[in-house]
N, C-alpha and C. Protein backbone atom coordinates (compact mmCIF):
# COMPACT_ATOMS: atom_id res chain seq x y z
N MET A 1 0.91 -0.92 -0.15
CA MET A 1 0.18 -0.10 -0.09
C MET A 1 1.33 0.98 0.03
N SER A 2 0.39 2.49 -0.61
CA SER A 2 1.20 3.34 -0.37
C SER A 2 1.09 4.13 0.67
N GLN A 3 2.26 4.60 0.86
CA GLN A 3 2.41 5.88 2.32
C GLN A 3 1.50 6.95 1.89
N ASP A 4 1.82 7.56 1.02
CA ASP A 4 0.72 8.68 0.61
C ASP A 4 -0.90 8.21 0.95
N ASN A 5 -1.43 7.71 0.25
CA ASN A 5 -2.48 6.49 0.54
C ASN A 5 -2.74 6.56 1.79
N ILE A 6 -1.96 6.26 2.76
CA ILE A 6 -2.31 5.88 4.18
C ILE A 6 -2.50 7.34 4.54
N GLU A 7 -1.22 8.37 4.23
CA GLU A 7 -1.59 9.60 4.97
C GLU A 7 -2.51 10.56 4.55
N LEU A 8 -2.99 10.23 3.84
CA LEU A 8 -3.96 11.07 2.83
C LEU A 8 -5.14 10.50 3.68
N GLY A 9 -5.79 9.32 4.48
CA GLY A 9 -6.66 8.77 5.00
C GLY A 9 -7.39 8.00 4.06
N ARG A 10 -7.13 7.62 2.75
CA ARG A 10 -7.64 6.66 2.09
C ARG A 10 -7.94 5.22 2.36
N ILE A 11 -6.69 4.96 3.20
CA ILE A 11 -7.00 3.22 4.03
C ILE A 11 -7.06 3.11 5.86
N ARG A 12 -8.49 2.57 6.05
CA ARG A 12 -8.35 2.50 7.66
C ARG A 12 -8.25 0.81 7.87
N MET A 13 -7.75 0.83 9.16
CA MET A 13 -8.03 -0.80 9.84
C MET A 13 -8.37 -0.95 10.69
N ASN A 14 -9.63 -1.88 10.32
CA ASN A 14 -10.61 -2.32 12.03
C ASN A 14 -11.56 -0.46 11.87
N GLY A 15 -11.66 -0.10 11.13
CA GLY A 15 -12.59 1.05 11.10
C GLY A 15 -11.67 2.35 11.72
N VAL A 16 -10.56 2.34 12.22
CA VAL A 16 -9.54 3.66 12.64
C VAL A 16 -8.18 3.86 11.54
N ARG A 17 -8.39 5.03 11.38
CA ARG A 17 -7.43 5.56 10.63
C ARG A 17 -6.26 5.08 10.67
N LEU A 18 -5.43 4.72 9.70
CA LEU A 18 -3.81 3.88 9.44
C LEU A 18 -2.49 5.33 9.75
N LYS A 19 -1.93 4.82 9.89
CA LYS A 19 -0.48 5.79 10.42
C LYS A 19 0.10 4.78 9.10
N ALA A 20 1.34 5.47 8.92
CA ALA A 20 2.48 4.02 8.15
C ALA A 20 3.22 3.07 8.44
N SER A 21 3.18 3.45 9.90
CA SER A 21 4.33 2.29 10.94
C SER A 21 3.28 0.95 10.73
N LYS A 22 1.88 1.03 10.97
CA LYS A 22 1.63 0.19 11.86
C LYS A 22 1.48 -0.77 11.27
N GLU A 23 1.79 -2.02 12.34
CA GLU A 23 1.83 -3.48 11.46
C GLU A 23 0.45 -3.93 11.01
N ILE A 24 0.26 -5.00 10.02
CA ILE A 24 -0.97 -5.42 9.86
C ILE A 24 -1.07 -7.24 9.74
N LYS A 25 -2.07 -7.77 10.62
CA LYS A 25 -2.08 -8.70 10.64
C LYS A 25 -3.18 -9.45 9.91
N ILE A 26 -3.06 -10.89 10.27
CA ILE A 26 -4.04 -12.08 9.46
C ILE A 26 -5.08 -11.42 10.09
N GLY A 27 -6.11 -11.03 9.63
CA GLY A 27 -7.55 -11.26 9.90
C GLY A 27 -7.86 -9.51 10.07
N ASP A 28 -7.08 -8.51 10.14
CA ASP A 28 -7.31 -7.74 10.04
C ASP A 28 -7.90 -7.09 8.49
N GLN A 29 -9.04 -5.93 9.26
CA GLN A 29 -10.17 -5.96 8.18
C GLN A 29 -9.75 -4.28 7.69
N LEU A 30 -9.43 -5.01 6.18
CA LEU A 30 -8.89 -2.75 5.69
C LEU A 30 -10.20 -2.70 4.48
N GLU A 31 -10.53 -1.49 4.97
CA GLU A 31 -10.92 -0.25 4.13
C GLU A 31 -10.16 0.43 2.61
N ILE A 32 -10.33 0.55 1.93
CA ILE A 32 -9.66 1.27 1.02
C ILE A 32 -10.66 2.14 -0.15
N ILE A 33 -10.34 3.48 -0.41
CA ILE A 33 -10.69 4.41 -1.23
C ILE A 33 -10.18 4.46 -2.44
N ARG A 34 -10.81 4.47 -3.40
CA ARG A 34 -10.12 4.60 -4.23
C ARG A 34 -10.84 5.76 -5.37
N GLY A 35 -10.59 6.77 -5.45
CA GLY A 35 -11.59 7.67 -6.14
C GLY A 35 -13.07 7.29 -5.57
N GLU A 36 -13.84 6.85 -6.45
CA GLU A 36 -15.58 6.98 -6.02
C GLU A 36 -15.26 5.50 -5.28
N GLU A 37 -14.76 4.71 -5.65
CA GLU A 37 -14.69 2.65 -5.53
C GLU A 37 -14.24 2.83 -3.90
N ARG A 38 -14.84 2.08 -3.51
CA ARG A 38 -14.90 1.83 -1.38
C ARG A 38 -14.52 0.28 -1.71
N PHE A 39 -13.30 -0.51 -1.11
CA PHE A 39 -13.45 -1.71 -1.05
C PHE A 39 -13.05 -2.14 0.68
N ILE A 40 -13.86 -3.14 0.98
CA ILE A 40 -13.40 -3.65 2.40
C ILE A 40 -12.91 -5.21 1.87
N VAL A 41 -11.63 -5.58 2.39
CA VAL A 41 -10.82 -6.98 2.18
C VAL A 41 -10.26 -6.90 3.92
N VAL A 42 -10.61 -8.31 3.89
CA VAL A 42 -9.58 -9.19 5.23
C VAL A 42 -8.51 -9.58 4.28
N VAL A 43 -7.45 -9.78 5.38
CA VAL A 43 -6.30 -10.08 5.28
C VAL A 43 -5.85 -11.57 5.87
N LYS A 44 -5.40 -12.65 4.19
CA LYS A 44 -6.22 -14.00 4.69
C LYS A 44 -4.13 -14.55 4.77
N ALA A 45 -3.44 -13.91 4.23
CA ALA A 45 -1.97 -13.62 4.44
C ALA A 45 -0.91 -12.84 4.29
N LEU A 46 0.08 -13.35 4.61
CA LEU A 46 1.11 -11.92 5.13
C LEU A 46 2.30 -12.47 4.23
N SER A 47 3.09 -11.50 3.51
CA SER A 47 4.13 -11.95 2.59
C SER A 47 5.34 -11.10 3.09
N SER A 48 6.51 -11.88 3.21
CA SER A 48 8.26 -10.93 3.07
C SER A 48 8.50 -10.15 2.34
N LYS A 49 8.37 -10.25 1.12
CA LYS A 49 9.06 -9.53 0.03
C LYS A 49 7.71 -9.09 -0.84
N ARG A 50 8.00 -8.06 -1.92
CA ARG A 50 6.97 -7.70 -2.75
C ARG A 50 6.83 -8.38 -3.67
N GLY A 51 6.05 -8.51 -4.56
CA GLY A 51 5.16 -9.67 -5.43
C GLY A 51 4.71 -8.67 -6.50
N SER A 52 4.13 -9.75 -7.25
CA SER A 52 3.44 -9.35 -8.70
C SER A 52 2.15 -9.37 -7.95
N ALA A 53 1.20 -8.28 -8.37
CA ALA A 53 -0.38 -8.15 -8.04
C ALA A 53 -1.15 -9.18 -8.30
N ALA A 54 -0.82 -10.36 -8.96
CA ALA A 54 -1.22 -11.35 -8.83
C ALA A 54 -0.85 -12.34 -7.80
N VAL A 55 0.05 -12.53 -7.14
CA VAL A 55 0.57 -12.68 -5.72
C VAL A 55 -0.29 -12.11 -4.90
N ALA A 56 -0.27 -11.35 -5.13
CA ALA A 56 -0.83 -9.72 -3.70
C ALA A 56 -2.31 -9.52 -3.91
N GLN A 57 -2.73 -10.60 -4.80
CA GLN A 57 -4.58 -10.67 -4.63
C GLN A 57 -4.67 -12.25 -3.70
N THR A 58 -3.97 -13.14 -3.65
CA THR A 58 -3.93 -14.41 -3.06
C THR A 58 -4.11 -13.70 -1.37
N LEU A 59 -3.29 -13.08 -1.02
CA LEU A 59 -3.04 -12.49 0.36
C LEU A 59 -4.65 -12.04 1.02
N TYR A 60 -5.38 -11.46 -0.23
CA TYR A 60 -6.80 -10.92 0.95
C TYR A 60 -8.02 -11.52 0.09
N GLU A 61 -8.71 -11.44 1.02
CA GLU A 61 -10.36 -11.48 0.39
C GLU A 61 -10.98 -10.33 0.47
N GLU A 62 -11.54 -10.16 -0.53
CA GLU A 62 -13.20 -9.03 -0.37
C GLU A 62 -14.12 -9.45 0.14
N THR A 63 -14.67 -8.68 0.89
CA THR A 63 -15.98 -9.21 1.67
C THR A 63 -17.57 -8.96 0.67
N PRO A 64 -18.19 -10.37 1.33
CA PRO A 64 -19.50 -10.39 -0.25
C PRO A 64 -20.18 -8.79 -0.12
N ASP A 65 -19.97 -8.07 0.99
CA ASP A 65 -20.83 -6.70 1.36
C ASP A 65 -20.24 -6.06 0.24
N SER A 66 -19.12 -5.49 0.37
CA SER A 66 -18.29 -4.76 -0.59
C SER A 66 -18.78 -4.71 -1.54
N LEU A 67 -18.16 -6.13 -2.30
CA LEU A 67 -18.59 -6.66 -3.77
C LEU A 67 -19.70 -6.71 -4.48
N GLU A 68 -20.76 -6.67 -3.48
CA GLU A 68 -21.96 -6.26 -3.51
C GLU A 68 -22.37 -4.71 -4.11
N THR A 69 -22.10 -4.00 -2.97
CA THR A 69 -22.30 -2.56 -3.20
C THR A 69 -21.47 -1.87 -4.37
N ARG A 70 -20.38 -2.65 -4.62
CA ARG A 70 -19.48 -1.89 -6.06
C ARG A 70 -19.90 -2.40 -7.18
N THR A 71 -20.40 -3.44 -7.11
CA THR A 71 -21.42 -3.90 -8.36
C THR A 71 -22.64 -3.43 -8.58
N ARG A 72 -23.26 -3.09 -7.37
CA ARG A 72 -24.33 -1.95 -7.93
C ARG A 72 -24.69 -0.75 -8.10
N ILE A 73 -23.16 -0.25 -7.47
CA ILE A 73 -23.06 0.90 -7.95
C ILE A 73 -21.94 1.32 -9.18
N LYS A 74 -21.58 0.72 -9.66
CA LYS A 74 -20.92 0.20 -10.91
C LYS A 74 -22.32 0.22 -11.92
N GLU A 75 -23.41 -0.73 -11.67
CA GLU A 75 -24.61 -1.08 -12.13
C GLU A 75 -25.11 0.64 -12.52
N ASN A 76 -25.48 0.96 -11.53
CA ASN A 76 -26.08 2.41 -11.28
C ASN A 76 -25.12 3.44 -12.66
N SER A 77 -24.25 3.25 -12.22
CA SER A 77 -23.17 4.61 -13.15
C SER A 77 -23.58 3.86 -14.44
N ARG A 78 -23.58 2.91 -14.61
CA ARG A 78 -23.32 2.72 -16.19
C ARG A 78 -25.04 2.79 -16.85
N LEU A 79 -26.42 2.78 -15.87
CA LEU A 79 -27.23 3.11 -16.55
C LEU A 79 -28.06 4.94 -16.29
N MET A 80 -27.01 5.01 -15.69
CA MET A 80 -27.17 6.99 -15.30
C MET A 80 -25.60 7.49 -15.35
N PRO A 81 -25.21 8.05 -16.43
CA PRO A 81 -23.81 7.65 -16.26
C PRO A 81 -24.21 9.69 -16.12
N MET A 82 -23.00 10.43 -14.85
CA MET A 82 -22.61 11.51 -14.88
C MET A 82 -22.74 12.52 -16.35
N PRO A 83 -23.51 13.70 -16.11
CA PRO A 83 -23.37 14.74 -16.37
C PRO A 83 -22.14 15.36 -17.58
N GLY A 84 -21.61 15.20 -18.43
CA GLY A 84 -20.63 15.47 -19.09
C GLY A 84 -19.47 14.79 -19.14
N SER A 85 -19.72 13.28 -18.41
CA SER A 85 -18.93 12.39 -18.72
C SER A 85 -18.56 12.11 -20.11
N ASP A 86 -19.39 12.81 -21.21
CA ASP A 86 -18.72 12.02 -22.69
C ASP A 86 -18.25 13.12 -23.01
N TYR A 87 -17.86 14.11 -22.55
CA TYR A 87 -16.94 15.26 -23.06
C TYR A 87 -15.69 14.78 -22.81
N HIS A 88 -14.77 14.48 -23.56
CA HIS A 88 -13.10 14.36 -23.59
C HIS A 88 -12.31 15.48 -24.07
N GLY A 89 -11.51 16.56 -22.67
CA GLY A 89 -10.53 17.36 -23.51
C GLY A 89 -11.16 18.24 -23.64
N ARG A 90 -10.14 19.02 -24.01
CA ARG A 90 -10.50 20.72 -23.64
C ARG A 90 -11.71 21.27 -24.70
N PRO A 91 -12.54 22.67 -24.47
CA PRO A 91 -14.04 22.81 -25.78
C PRO A 91 -12.87 23.00 -26.88
N THR A 92 -13.80 22.44 -28.48
CA THR A 92 -13.21 23.47 -28.84
C THR A 92 -13.85 24.74 -28.90
N LYS A 93 -13.06 25.18 -30.68
CA LYS A 93 -13.39 26.96 -30.84
C LYS A 93 -14.96 26.97 -30.73
N ARG A 94 -15.75 26.17 -31.53
CA ARG A 94 -16.81 26.45 -31.57
C ARG A 94 -17.59 26.38 -29.85
N ASP A 95 -17.51 25.39 -29.25
CA ASP A 95 -17.96 25.29 -27.67
C ASP A 95 -17.76 26.42 -27.24
N GLY A 96 -16.09 27.09 -26.72
CA GLY A 96 -15.62 27.60 -26.48
C GLY A 96 -17.31 29.28 -26.88
N ARG A 97 -16.75 29.64 -28.27
CA ARG A 97 -17.78 30.84 -28.35
C ARG A 97 -19.02 30.68 -27.94
N LYS A 98 -19.92 28.91 -27.85
CA LYS A 98 -21.27 29.35 -27.55
C LYS A 98 -20.98 29.35 -25.55
N ILE A 99 -20.07 28.69 -25.08
CA ILE A 99 -20.17 28.99 -23.75
C ILE A 99 -19.94 30.59 -23.09
N ARG A 100 -19.07 31.42 -24.16
CA ARG A 100 -18.88 32.73 -24.04
C ARG A 100 -20.37 33.39 -24.39
N GLN A 101 -21.10 32.71 -25.18
CA GLN A 101 -22.31 33.50 -24.92
C GLN A 101 -23.44 33.15 -23.96
N PHE A 102 -23.44 31.87 -23.71
CA PHE A 102 -24.32 31.81 -23.02
C PHE A 102 -23.92 32.30 -21.65
N MET A 103 -22.70 32.90 -21.28
CA MET A 103 -22.07 33.40 -19.67
C MET A 103 -22.93 35.01 -19.99
N ALA A 104 -22.31 35.61 -21.35
CA ALA A 104 -23.10 37.11 -21.70
C ALA A 104 -24.54 37.49 -21.30
N GLU A 105 -25.28 36.11 -21.83
CA GLU A 105 -26.74 36.17 -21.95
C GLU A 105 -27.15 35.95 -20.62
N PHE A 106 -26.68 34.98 -19.85
CA PHE A 106 -27.37 34.79 -18.34
C PHE A 106 -27.47 35.61 -17.29
N ASP A 107 -28.52 36.11 -16.76
CA ASP A 107 -28.78 36.66 -15.74
C ASP A 107 -29.53 35.69 -14.66
N PRO A 108 -28.61 35.79 -13.69
CA PRO A 108 -29.42 35.05 -12.33
C PRO A 108 -30.59 35.48 -12.01
N SER A 109 -31.11 36.80 -11.89
CA SER A 109 -31.84 37.25 -11.45
C SER A 109 -34.12 37.31 -12.35
N LYS A 110 -33.49 36.97 -14.10
CA LYS A 110 -34.40 36.40 -14.72
C LYS A 110 -34.32 34.30 -14.80
N ASP A 111 -33.49 33.99 -14.73
CA ASP A 111 -32.78 32.67 -15.11
C ASP A 111 -33.70 31.76 -14.17
N PHE A 112 -33.65 32.43 -12.88
CA PHE A 112 -34.04 31.46 -11.75
C PHE A 112 -35.52 31.43 -11.51
């Protein structure tokens, strides 16, 4: 786990915010926040050396509740995407002109 993620509070152990020096034991429950995703995993085994992601995945197990919640959230976001998620990159010149025109014509006292 990245020390930066621990310091930013994105990883909790047994419901408590971690410090980078905290030792992890078998059976500990880790809550990992990655963007909008939230994982809850239980440590099954420990390794004395760094390994590949495939090996690391054998050392923990995601809880069924966490997996169900993530699946439900992913399905909901697929059915109803965030507004503007289909835009990529910077606005074109044409888009910029439309935005400037809208901002010039916008009057909060009339439009709300």
